Every structure is written in C-alpha cells, then in structure tokens.
Amino acid sequence: MTDSATTVPDSARDYARRRLLARRNVPVIALVWVAVSGSSTAIWAFTGATGHFWPIWPMLGLGVAVVAAALSAYGPRVGYVTDDAVDREARRLVTRR
C-alpha cells in the first residue's frame, strides 16, 4: 500500500489545499451576499422605496467577490504548473534554437 502523500509533490498538495479551502469559502461568501442583499433591500423598502435603488451597489460589489471566489474554487487550474509542463516547455525552448 502506497501513501498518496509521499507520491504527490508538495507543490501539488499546497495547490490542492488552497483549492479545497476556496471551495469551503464559496458558500460562506454567497451567504454573506444573500444576507447583505436582503438586509439592504429591506432597509431601502422600509425607508420608503423611493428614488434610486441604491442596494444594487453593495449587491454588485459582493457579487463580484462571489464570482471571484467561485472561479478560484471551481474554475480552471490557474497558478499551478506541473513538472511535466515545465519539462515540455524546456524541450520546446531547446528545440527552437
């Protein structure tokens, strides 16, 4: 039986840890977005709901944070380069001389 921790490079484990933490944070950030959106809309409604719908600004601001967190957690693997990718690039650079 092989321990997977010894066969995976430390850089891959660090990257995987960051992705897992990001996946854990997405629902929390989304819940904060829902709470802020609901409470700011309620404040707007209870104070007369006249004029400009100002709660859109905190909604949009936190919405950007939710999208960024989701991309970090579930989006393309950006920020991690495998040893194979480095070897391929090195071979490509050497053959272009």
PDB file of N, CA and C in Angstrom:
ATOM      1  N   MET A   1       0.844  -1.165   0.000  1.00  0.00           N
ATOM      2  CA  MET A   1       0.000   0.000   0.000  1.00  0.00           C
ATOM      3  C   MET A   1       0.897   1.239   0.000  1.00  0.00           C
ATOM      4  N   THR A   2       0.649   2.155  -0.935  1.00  0.00           N
ATOM      5  CA  THR A   2       1.450   3.357  -1.066  1.00  0.00           C
ATOM      6  C   THR A   2       0.695   4.536  -0.477  1.00  0.00           C
ATOM      7  N   ASP A   3       1.381   5.301   0.335  1.00  0.00           N
ATOM      8  CA  ASP A   3       0.780   6.506   0.908  1.00  0.00           C
ATOM      9  C   ASP A   3       0.767   7.590  -0.153  1.00  0.00           C
ATOM     10  N   SER A   4      -0.413   8.112  -0.479  1.00  0.00           N
ATOM     11  CA  SER A   4      -0.521   9.098  -1.551  1.00  0.00           C
ATOM     12  C   SER A   4       0.207  10.390  -1.211  1.00  0.00           C
ATOM     13  N   ALA A   5       0.389  10.681   0.065  1.00  0.00           N
ATOM     14  CA  ALA A   5       1.076  11.907   0.446  1.00  0.00           C
ATOM     15  C   ALA A   5       2.542  11.875   0.026  1.00  0.00           C
ATOM     16  N   THR A   6       3.121  10.688  -0.076  1.00  0.00           N
ATOM     17  CA  THR A   6       4.528  10.610  -0.448  1.00  0.00           C
ATOM     18  C   THR A   6       4.711  10.596  -1.962  1.00  0.00           C
ATOM     19  N   THR A   7       3.670  10.317  -2.726  1.00  0.00           N
ATOM     20  CA  THR A   7       3.802  10.264  -4.181  1.00  0.00           C
ATOM     21  C   THR A   7       3.392  11.562  -4.862  1.00  0.00           C
ATOM     22  N   VAL A   8       2.773  12.473  -4.136  1.00  0.00           N
ATOM     23  CA  VAL A   8       2.328  13.742  -4.702  1.00  0.00           C
ATOM     24  C   VAL A   8       3.322  14.825  -4.283  1.00  0.00           C
ATOM     25  N   PRO A   9       3.798  15.629  -5.242  1.00  0.00           N
ATOM     26  CA  PRO A   9       4.738  16.699  -4.872  1.00  0.00           C
ATOM     27  C   PRO A   9       4.105  17.683  -3.890  1.00  0.00           C
ATOM     28  N   ASP A  10       4.951  18.277  -3.060  1.00  0.00           N
ATOM     29  CA  ASP A  10       4.449  19.240  -2.071  1.00  0.00           C
ATOM     30  C   ASP A  10       3.737  20.416  -2.722  1.00  0.00           C
ATOM     31  N   SER A  11       4.232  20.861  -3.876  1.00  0.00           N
ATOM     32  CA  SER A  11       3.585  21.992  -4.538  1.00  0.00           C
ATOM     33  C   SER A  11       2.162  21.632  -4.959  1.00  0.00           C
ATOM     34  N   ALA A  12       1.951  20.398  -5.400  1.00  0.00           N
ATOM     35  CA  ALA A  12       0.608  19.960  -5.789  1.00  0.00           C
ATOM     36  C   ALA A  12      -0.298  19.878  -4.556  1.00  0.00           C
ATOM     37  N   ARG A  13       0.250  19.409  -3.446  1.00  0.00           N
ATOM     38  CA  ARG A  13      -0.546  19.330  -2.220  1.00  0.00           C
ATOM     39  C   ARG A  13      -0.918  20.730  -1.730  1.00  0.00           C
ATOM     40  N   ASP A  14       0.006  21.668  -1.808  1.00  0.00           N
ATOM     41  CA  ASP A  14      -0.292  23.042  -1.394  1.00  0.00           C
ATOM     42  C   ASP A  14      -1.374  23.649  -2.277  1.00  0.00           C
ATOM     43  N   TYR A  15      -1.268  23.413  -3.582  1.00  0.00           N
ATOM     44  CA  TYR A  15      -2.269  23.935  -4.510  1.00  0.00           C
ATOM     45  C   TYR A  15      -3.631  23.304  -4.240  1.00  0.00           C
ATOM     46  N   ALA A  16      -3.651  21.997  -4.008  1.00  0.00           N
ATOM     47  CA  ALA A  16      -4.906  21.297  -3.716  1.00  0.00           C
ATOM     48  C   ALA A  16      -5.516  21.814  -2.420  1.00  0.00           C
ATOM     49  N   ARG A  17      -4.678  22.088  -1.426  1.00  0.00           N
ATOM     50  CA  ARG A  17      -5.176  22.616  -0.156  1.00  0.00           C
ATOM     51  C   ARG A  17      -5.829  23.984  -0.367  1.00  0.00           C
ATOM     52  N   ARG A  18      -5.194  24.850  -1.161  1.00  0.00           N
ATOM     53  CA  ARG A  18      -5.775  26.170  -1.437  1.00  0.00           C
ATOM     54  C   ARG A  18      -7.112  26.040  -2.155  1.00  0.00           C
ATOM     55  N   ARG A  19      -7.208  25.112  -3.119  1.00  0.00           N
ATOM     56  CA  ARG A  19      -8.474  24.927  -3.846  1.00  0.00           C
ATOM     57  C   ARG A  19      -9.572  24.413  -2.915  1.00  0.00           C
ATOM     58  N   LEU A  20      -9.226  23.476  -2.042  1.00  0.00           N
ATOM     59  CA  LEU A  20     -10.230  22.945  -1.112  1.00  0.00           C
ATOM     60  C   LEU A  20     -10.705  24.020  -0.138  1.00  0.00           C
ATOM     61  N   LEU A  21      -9.789  24.847   0.350  1.00  0.00           N
ATOM     62  CA  LEU A  21     -10.197  25.941   1.229  1.00  0.00           C
ATOM     63  C   LEU A  21     -11.073  26.941   0.484  1.00  0.00           C
ATOM     64  N   ALA A  22     -10.745  27.206  -0.767  1.00  0.00           N
ATOM     65  CA  ALA A  22     -11.566  28.117  -1.569  1.00  0.00           C
ATOM     66  C   ALA A  22     -12.959  27.534  -1.763  1.00  0.00           C
ATOM     67  N   ARG A  23     -13.049  26.226  -1.988  1.00  0.00           N
ATOM     68  CA  ARG A  23     -14.368  25.592  -2.157  1.00  0.00           C
ATOM     69  C   ARG A  23     -15.178  25.658  -0.875  1.00  0.00           C
ATOM     70  N   ARG A  24     -14.509  25.608   0.257  1.00  0.00           N
ATOM     71  CA  ARG A  24     -15.210  25.723   1.530  1.00  0.00           C
ATOM     72  C   ARG A  24     -15.720  27.144   1.733  1.00  0.00           C
ATOM     73  N   ASN A  25     -14.997  28.135   1.221  1.00  0.00           N
ATOM     74  CA  ASN A  25     -15.360  29.531   1.442  1.00  0.00           C
ATOM     75  C   ASN A  25     -16.468  30.038   0.526  1.00  0.00           C
ATOM     76  N   VAL A  26     -16.681  29.420  -0.618  1.00  0.00           N
ATOM     77  CA  VAL A  26     -17.680  29.909  -1.574  1.00  0.00           C
ATOM     78  C   VAL A  26     -19.080  29.981  -0.961  1.00  0.00           C
ATOM     79  N   PRO A  27     -19.566  28.942  -0.314  1.00  0.00           N
ATOM     80  CA  PRO A  27     -20.917  29.052   0.261  1.00  0.00           C
ATOM     81  C   PRO A  27     -21.011  30.127   1.341  1.00  0.00           C
ATOM     82  N   VAL A  28     -19.952  30.334   2.100  1.00  0.00           N
ATOM     83  CA  VAL A  28     -19.962  31.361   3.144  1.00  0.00           C
ATOM     84  C   VAL A  28     -20.065  32.745   2.503  1.00  0.00           C
ATOM     85  N   ILE A  29     -19.265  32.985   1.470  1.00  0.00           N
ATOM     86  CA  ILE A  29     -19.298  34.279   0.794  1.00  0.00           C
ATOM     87  C   ILE A  29     -20.653  34.492   0.126  1.00  0.00           C
ATOM     88  N   ALA A  30     -21.212  33.437  -0.448  1.00  0.00           N
ATOM     89  CA  ALA A  30     -22.534  33.552  -1.078  1.00  0.00           C
ATOM     90  C   ALA A  30     -23.605  33.849  -0.031  1.00  0.00           C
ATOM     91  N   LEU A  31     -23.493  33.243   1.128  1.00  0.00           N
ATOM     92  CA  LEU A  31     -24.455  33.512   2.206  1.00  0.00           C
ATOM     93  C   LEU A  31     -24.345  34.957   2.682  1.00  0.00           C
ATOM     94  N   VAL A  32     -23.140  35.475   2.785  1.00  0.00           N
ATOM     95  CA  VAL A  32     -22.946  36.891   3.155  1.00  0.00           C
ATOM     96  C   VAL A  32     -23.585  37.781   2.096  1.00  0.00           C
ATOM     97  N   TRP A  33     -23.418  37.415   0.818  1.00  0.00           N
ATOM     98  CA  TRP A  33     -24.020  38.199  -0.265  1.00  0.00           C
ATOM     99  C   TRP A  33     -25.540  38.227  -0.128  1.00  0.00           C
ATOM    100  N   VAL A  34     -26.136  37.066   0.147  1.00  0.00           N
ATOM    101  CA  VAL A  34     -27.588  36.991   0.304  1.00  0.00           C
ATOM    102  C   VAL A  34     -28.043  37.834   1.497  1.00  0.00           C
ATOM    103  N   ALA A  35     -27.321  37.741   2.612  1.00  0.00           N
ATOM    104  CA  ALA A  35     -27.700  38.492   3.811  1.00  0.00           C
ATOM    105  C   ALA A  35     -27.593  39.996   3.588  1.00  0.00           C
ATOM    106  N   VAL A  36     -26.502  40.446   2.988  1.00  0.00           N
ATOM    107  CA  VAL A  36     -26.321  41.881   2.740  1.00  0.00           C
ATOM    108  C   VAL A  36     -27.346  42.372   1.719  1.00  0.00           C
ATOM    109  N   SER A  37     -27.578  41.578   0.681  1.00  0.00           N
ATOM    110  CA  SER A  37     -28.556  41.974  -0.335  1.00  0.00           C
ATOM    111  C   SER A  37     -29.950  42.084   0.262  1.00  0.00           C
ATOM    112  N   GLY A  38     -30.324  41.091   1.053  1.00  0.00           N
ATOM    113  CA  GLY A  38     -31.651  41.111   1.672  1.00  0.00           C
ATOM    114  C   GLY A  38     -31.820  42.236   2.665  1.00  0.00           C
ATOM    115  N   SER A  39     -30.822  42.423   3.508  1.00  0.00           N
ATOM    116  CA  SER A  39     -30.953  43.463   4.530  1.00  0.00           C
ATOM    117  C   SER A  39     -30.909  44.860   3.913  1.00  0.00           C
ATOM    118  N   SER A  40     -30.056  45.077   2.928  1.00  0.00           N
ATOM    119  CA  SER A  40     -30.015  46.413   2.318  1.00  0.00           C
ATOM    120  C   SER A  40     -31.292  46.682   1.513  1.00  0.00           C
ATOM    121  N   THR A  41     -31.849  45.663   0.885  1.00  0.00           N
ATOM    122  CA  THR A  41     -33.117  45.839   0.175  1.00  0.00           C
ATOM    123  C   THR A  41     -34.247  46.102   1.160  1.00  0.00           C
ATOM    124  N   ALA A  42     -34.231  45.418   2.302  1.00  0.00           N
ATOM    125  CA  ALA A  42     -35.256  45.649   3.325  1.00  0.00           C
ATOM    126  C   ALA A  42     -35.163  47.072   3.868  1.00  0.00           C
ATOM    127  N   ILE A  43     -33.952  47.541   4.118  1.00  0.00           N
ATOM    128  CA  ILE A  43     -33.772  48.921   4.595  1.00  0.00           C
ATOM    129  C   ILE A  43     -34.308  49.903   3.562  1.00  0.00           C
ATOM    130  N   TRP A  44     -33.967  49.664   2.306  1.00  0.00           N
ATOM    131  CA  TRP A  44     -34.450  50.535   1.232  1.00  0.00           C
ATOM    132  C   TRP A  44     -35.982  50.535   1.178  1.00  0.00           C
ATOM    133  N   ALA A  45     -36.580  49.345   1.294  1.00  0.00           N
ATOM    134  CA  ALA A  45     -38.042  49.223   1.207  1.00  0.00           C
ATOM    135  C   ALA A  45     -38.726  49.878   2.409  1.00  0.00           C
ATOM    136  N   PHE A  46     -38.183  49.670   3.617  1.00  0.00           N
ATOM    137  CA  PHE A  46     -38.822  50.208   4.818  1.00  0.00           C
ATOM    138  C   PHE A  46     -38.626  51.713   4.973  1.00  0.00           C
ATOM    139  N   THR A  47     -37.690  52.277   4.232  1.00  0.00           N
ATOM    140  CA  THR A  47     -37.479  53.727   4.322  1.00  0.00           C
ATOM    141  C   THR A  47     -38.170  54.470   3.199  1.00  0.00           C
ATOM    142  N   GLY A  48     -39.065  53.802   2.509  1.00  0.00           N
ATOM    143  CA  GLY A  48     -39.877  54.493   1.528  1.00  0.00           C
ATOM    144  C   GLY A  48     -39.752  53.975   0.114  1.00  0.00           C
ATOM    145  N   ALA A  49     -38.710  53.285  -0.204  1.00  0.00           N
ATOM    146  CA  ALA A  49     -38.508  52.692  -1.535  1.00  0.00           C
ATOM    147  C   ALA A  49     -38.741  53.691  -2.652  1.00  0.00           C
ATOM    148  N   THR A  50     -38.262  54.888  -2.428  1.00  0.00           N
ATOM    149  CA  THR A  50     -38.408  55.901  -3.473  1.00  0.00           C
ATOM    150  C   THR A  50     -37.036  56.241  -4.031  1.00  0.00           C
ATOM    151  N   GLY A  51     -37.035  56.685  -5.239  1.00  0.00           N
ATOM    152  CA  GLY A  51     -35.783  57.101  -5.863  1.00  0.00           C
ATOM    153  C   GLY A  51     -34.966  55.929  -6.366  1.00  0.00           C
ATOM    154  N   HIS A  52     -33.693  56.169  -6.440  1.00  0.00           N
ATOM    155  CA  HIS A  52     -32.747  55.190  -6.980  1.00  0.00           C
ATOM    156  C   HIS A  52     -32.670  53.950  -6.089  1.00  0.00           C
ATOM    157  N   PHE A  53     -32.610  52.771  -6.705  1.00  0.00           N
ATOM    158  CA  PHE A  53     -32.461  51.514  -5.974  1.00  0.00           C
ATOM    159  C   PHE A  53     -30.987  51.351  -5.587  1.00  0.00           C
ATOM    160  N   TRP A  54     -30.585  51.995  -4.492  1.00  0.00           N
ATOM    161  CA  TRP A  54     -29.188  52.005  -4.086  1.00  0.00           C
ATOM    162  C   TRP A  54     -28.657  50.644  -3.635  1.00  0.00           C
ATOM    163  N   PRO A  55     -29.472  49.685  -3.169  1.00  0.00           N
ATOM    164  CA  PRO A  55     -28.909  48.394  -2.759  1.00  0.00           C
ATOM    165  C   PRO A  55     -28.211  47.639  -3.896  1.00  0.00           C
ATOM    166  N   ILE A  56     -28.416  48.083  -5.140  1.00  0.00           N
ATOM    167  CA  ILE A  56     -27.749  47.406  -6.246  1.00  0.00           C
ATOM    168  C   ILE A  56     -26.232  47.496  -6.114  1.00  0.00           C
ATOM    169  N   TRP A  57     -25.721  48.586  -5.514  1.00  0.00           N
ATOM    170  CA  TRP A  57     -24.269  48.775  -5.428  1.00  0.00           C
ATOM    171  C   TRP A  57     -23.603  47.778  -4.488  1.00  0.00           C
ATOM    172  N   PRO A  58     -24.095  47.578  -3.272  1.00  0.00           N
ATOM    173  CA  PRO A  58     -23.481  46.514  -2.467  1.00  0.00           C
ATOM    174  C   PRO A  58     -23.717  45.124  -3.056  1.00  0.00           C
ATOM    175  N   MET A  59     -24.878  44.939  -3.707  1.00  0.00           N
ATOM    176  CA  MET A  59     -25.142  43.649  -4.354  1.00  0.00           C
ATOM    177  C   MET A  59     -24.111  43.364  -5.445  1.00  0.00           C
ATOM    178  N   LEU A  60     -23.857  44.362  -6.275  1.00  0.00           N
ATOM    179  CA  LEU A  60     -22.879  44.174  -7.353  1.00  0.00           C
ATOM    180  C   LEU A  60     -21.473  43.985  -6.804  1.00  0.00           C
ATOM    181  N   GLY A  61     -21.111  44.771  -5.798  1.00  0.00           N
ATOM    182  CA  GLY A  61     -19.769  44.651  -5.220  1.00  0.00           C
ATOM    183  C   GLY A  61     -19.515  43.279  -4.627  1.00  0.00           C
ATOM    184  N   LEU A  62     -20.445  42.816  -3.823  1.00  0.00           N
ATOM    185  CA  LEU A  62     -20.281  41.483  -3.240  1.00  0.00           C
ATOM    186  C   LEU A  62     -20.483  40.385  -4.280  1.00  0.00           C
ATOM    187  N   GLY A  63     -21.284  40.661  -5.294  1.00  0.00           N
ATOM    188  CA  GLY A  63     -21.452  39.683  -6.377  1.00  0.00           C
ATOM    189  C   GLY A  63     -20.143  39.417  -7.093  1.00  0.00           C
ATOM    190  N   VAL A  64     -19.350  40.472  -7.277  1.00  0.00           N
ATOM    191  CA  VAL A  64     -18.024  40.292  -7.888  1.00  0.00           C
ATOM    192  C   VAL A  64     -17.163  39.396  -7.001  1.00  0.00           C
ATOM    193  N   ALA A  65     -17.242  39.590  -5.690  1.00  0.00           N
ATOM    194  CA  ALA A  65     -16.481  38.752  -4.765  1.00  0.00           C
ATOM    195  C   ALA A  65     -16.926  37.293  -4.832  1.00  0.00           C
ATOM    196  N   VAL A  66     -18.225  37.069  -4.950  1.00  0.00           N
ATOM    197  CA  VAL A  66     -18.743  35.693  -5.050  1.00  0.00           C
ATOM    198  C   VAL A  66     -18.241  35.030  -6.331  1.00  0.00           C
ATOM    199  N   VAL A  67     -18.297  35.760  -7.439  1.00  0.00           N
ATOM    200  CA  VAL A  67     -17.828  35.206  -8.716  1.00  0.00           C
ATOM    201  C   VAL A  67     -16.332  34.918  -8.651  1.00  0.00           C
ATOM    202  N   ALA A  68     -15.559  35.835  -8.086  1.00  0.00           N
ATOM    203  CA  ALA A  68     -14.113  35.617  -7.975  1.00  0.00           C
ATOM    204  C   ALA A  68     -13.802  34.410  -7.104  1.00  0.00           C
ATOM    205  N   ALA A  69     -14.517  34.257  -5.998  1.00  0.00           N
ATOM    206  CA  ALA A  69     -14.304  33.105  -5.122  1.00  0.00           C
ATOM    207  C   ALA A  69     -14.682  31.803  -5.819  1.00  0.00           C
ATOM    208  N   ALA A  70     -15.783  31.824  -6.569  1.00  0.00           N
ATOM    209  CA  ALA A  70     -16.213  30.619  -7.284  1.00  0.00           C
ATOM    210  C   ALA A  70     -15.224  30.243  -8.379  1.00  0.00           C
ATOM    211  N   LEU A  71     -14.707  31.235  -9.086  1.00  0.00           N
ATOM    212  CA  LEU A  71     -13.705  30.942 -10.112  1.00  0.00           C
ATOM    213  C   LEU A  71     -12.441  30.382  -9.492  1.00  0.00           C
ATOM    214  N   SER A  72     -12.053  30.920  -8.358  1.00  0.00           N
ATOM    215  CA  SER A  72     -10.869  30.424  -7.672  1.00  0.00           C
ATOM    216  C   SER A  72     -11.061  28.973  -7.223  1.00  0.00           C
ATOM    217  N   ALA A  73     -12.270  28.649  -6.807  1.00  0.00           N
ATOM    218  CA  ALA A  73     -12.541  27.309  -6.282  1.00  0.00           C
ATOM    219  C   ALA A  73     -12.851  26.287  -7.372  1.00  0.00           C
ATOM    220  N   TYR A  74     -13.613  26.689  -8.379  1.00  0.00           N
ATOM    221  CA  TYR A  74     -14.106  25.729  -9.363  1.00  0.00           C
ATOM    222  C   TYR A  74     -13.642  26.004 -10.781  1.00  0.00           C
ATOM    223  N   GLY A  75     -12.958  27.107 -10.983  1.00  0.00           N
ATOM    224  CA  GLY A  75     -12.546  27.495 -12.325  1.00  0.00           C
ATOM    225  C   GLY A  75     -11.335  26.719 -12.811  1.00  0.00           C
ATOM    226  N   PRO A  76     -10.754  27.174 -13.904  1.00  0.00           N
ATOM    227  CA  PRO A  76      -9.585  26.485 -14.452  1.00  0.00           C
ATOM    228  C   PRO A  76      -8.432  26.508 -13.459  1.00  0.00           C
ATOM    229  N   ARG A  77      -7.581  25.514 -13.585  1.00  0.00           N
ATOM    230  CA  ARG A  77      -6.443  25.394 -12.674  1.00  0.00           C
ATOM    231  C   ARG A  77      -5.380  26.422 -13.037  1.00  0.00           C
ATOM    232  N   VAL A  78      -5.493  27.583 -12.471  1.00  0.00           N
ATOM    233  CA  VAL A  78      -4.547  28.664 -12.721  1.00  0.00           C
ATOM    234  C   VAL A  78      -3.634  28.759 -11.502  1.00  0.00           C
ATOM    235  N   GLY A  79      -2.366  28.874 -11.732  1.00  0.00           N
ATOM    236  CA  GLY A  79      -1.447  29.059 -10.622  1.00  0.00           C
ATOM    237  C   GLY A  79      -0.653  27.828 -10.265  1.00  0.00           C
ATOM    238  N   TYR A  80      -0.944  26.715 -10.875  1.00  0.00           N
ATOM    239  CA  TYR A  80      -0.183  25.502 -10.593  1.00  0.00           C
ATOM    240  C   TYR A  80       0.389  24.977 -11.893  1.00  0.00           C
ATOM    241  N   VAL A  81       1.671  24.767 -11.888  1.00  0.00           N
ATOM    242  CA  VAL A  81       2.358  24.247 -13.066  1.00  0.00           C
ATOM    243  C   VAL A  81       2.951  22.901 -12.697  1.00  0.00           C
ATOM    244  N   THR A  82       2.642  21.887 -13.479  1.00  0.00           N
ATOM    245  CA  THR A  82       3.166  20.560 -13.201  1.00  0.00           C
ATOM    246  C   THR A  82       4.610  20.449 -13.680  1.00  0.00           C
ATOM    247  N   ASP A  83       5.308  19.466 -13.147  1.00  0.00           N
ATOM    248  CA  ASP A  83       6.681  19.220 -13.594  1.00  0.00           C
ATOM    249  C   ASP A  83       6.701  18.812 -15.063  1.00  0.00           C
ATOM    250  N   ASP A  84       5.692  18.079 -15.497  1.00  0.00           N
ATOM    251  CA  ASP A  84       5.607  17.690 -16.906  1.00  0.00           C
ATOM    252  C   ASP A  84       5.476  18.904 -17.813  1.00  0.00           C
ATOM    253  N   ALA A  85       4.677  19.883 -17.389  1.00  0.00           N
ATOM    254  CA  ALA A  85       4.516  21.097 -18.192  1.00  0.00           C
ATOM    255  C   ALA A  85       5.832  21.866 -18.285  1.00  0.00           C
ATOM    256  N   VAL A  86       6.587  21.906 -17.208  1.00  0.00           N
ATOM    257  CA  VAL A  86       7.889  22.577 -17.225  1.00  0.00           C
ATOM    258  C   VAL A  86       8.837  21.846 -18.166  1.00  0.00           C
ATOM    259  N   ASP A  87       8.847  20.525 -18.106  1.00  0.00           N
ATOM    260  CA  ASP A  87       9.712  19.738 -18.995  1.00  0.00           C
ATOM    261  C   ASP A  87       9.336  19.949 -20.457  1.00  0.00           C
ATOM    262  N   ARG A  88       8.035  19.967 -20.768  1.00  0.00           N
ATOM    263  CA  ARG A  88       7.599  20.192 -22.147  1.00  0.00           C
ATOM    264  C   ARG A  88       8.037  21.567 -22.647  1.00  0.00           C
ATOM    265  N   GLU A  89       7.889  22.575 -21.812  1.00  0.00           N
ATOM    266  CA  GLU A  89       8.281  23.923 -22.207  1.00  0.00           C
ATOM    267  C   GLU A  89       9.789  24.016 -22.393  1.00  0.00           C
ATOM    268  N   ALA A  90      10.531  23.369 -21.522  1.00  0.00           N
ATOM    269  CA  ALA A  90      12.001  23.380 -21.657  1.00  0.00           C
ATOM    270  C   ALA A  90      12.421  22.705 -22.941  1.00  0.00           C
ATOM    271  N   ARG A  91      11.800  21.568 -23.277  1.00  0.00           N
ATOM    272  CA  ARG A  91      12.117  20.884 -24.545  1.00  0.00           C
ATOM    273  C   ARG A  91      11.749  21.767 -25.741  1.00  0.00           C
ATOM    274  N   ARG A  92      10.635  22.442 -25.658  1.00  0.00           N
ATOM    275  CA  ARG A  92      10.197  23.313 -26.746  1.00  0.00           C
ATOM    276  C   ARG A  92      11.195  24.454 -26.940  1.00  0.00           C
ATOM    277  N   LEU A  93      11.662  25.015 -25.844  1.00  0.00           N
ATOM    278  CA  LEU A  93      12.615  26.126 -25.940  1.00  0.00           C
ATOM    279  C   LEU A  93      13.958  25.663 -26.499  1.00  0.00           C
ATOM    280  N   VAL A  94      14.362  24.469 -26.132  1.00  0.00           N
ATOM    281  CA  VAL A  94      15.649  23.947 -26.601  1.00  0.00           C
ATOM    282  C   VAL A  94      15.582  23.627 -28.078  1.00  0.00           C
ATOM    283  N   THR A  95      14.469  23.111 -28.556  1.00  0.00           N
ATOM    284  CA  THR A  95      14.358  22.725 -29.965  1.00  0.00           C
ATOM    285  C   THR A  95      14.169  23.941 -30.880  1.00  0.00           C
ATOM    286  N   ARG A  96      13.832  25.094 -30.340  1.00  0.00           N
ATOM    287  CA  ARG A  96      13.617  26.285 -31.156  1.00  0.00           C
ATOM    288  C   ARG A  96      14.920  27.013 -31.486  1.00  0.00           C
ATOM    289  N   ARG A  97      16.018  26.613 -30.899  1.00  0.00           N
ATOM    290  CA  ARG A  97      17.301  27.299 -31.133  1.00  0.00           C
ATOM    291  C   ARG A  97      17.697  27.264 -32.524  1.00  0.00           C
TER     292      ARG A  97
END
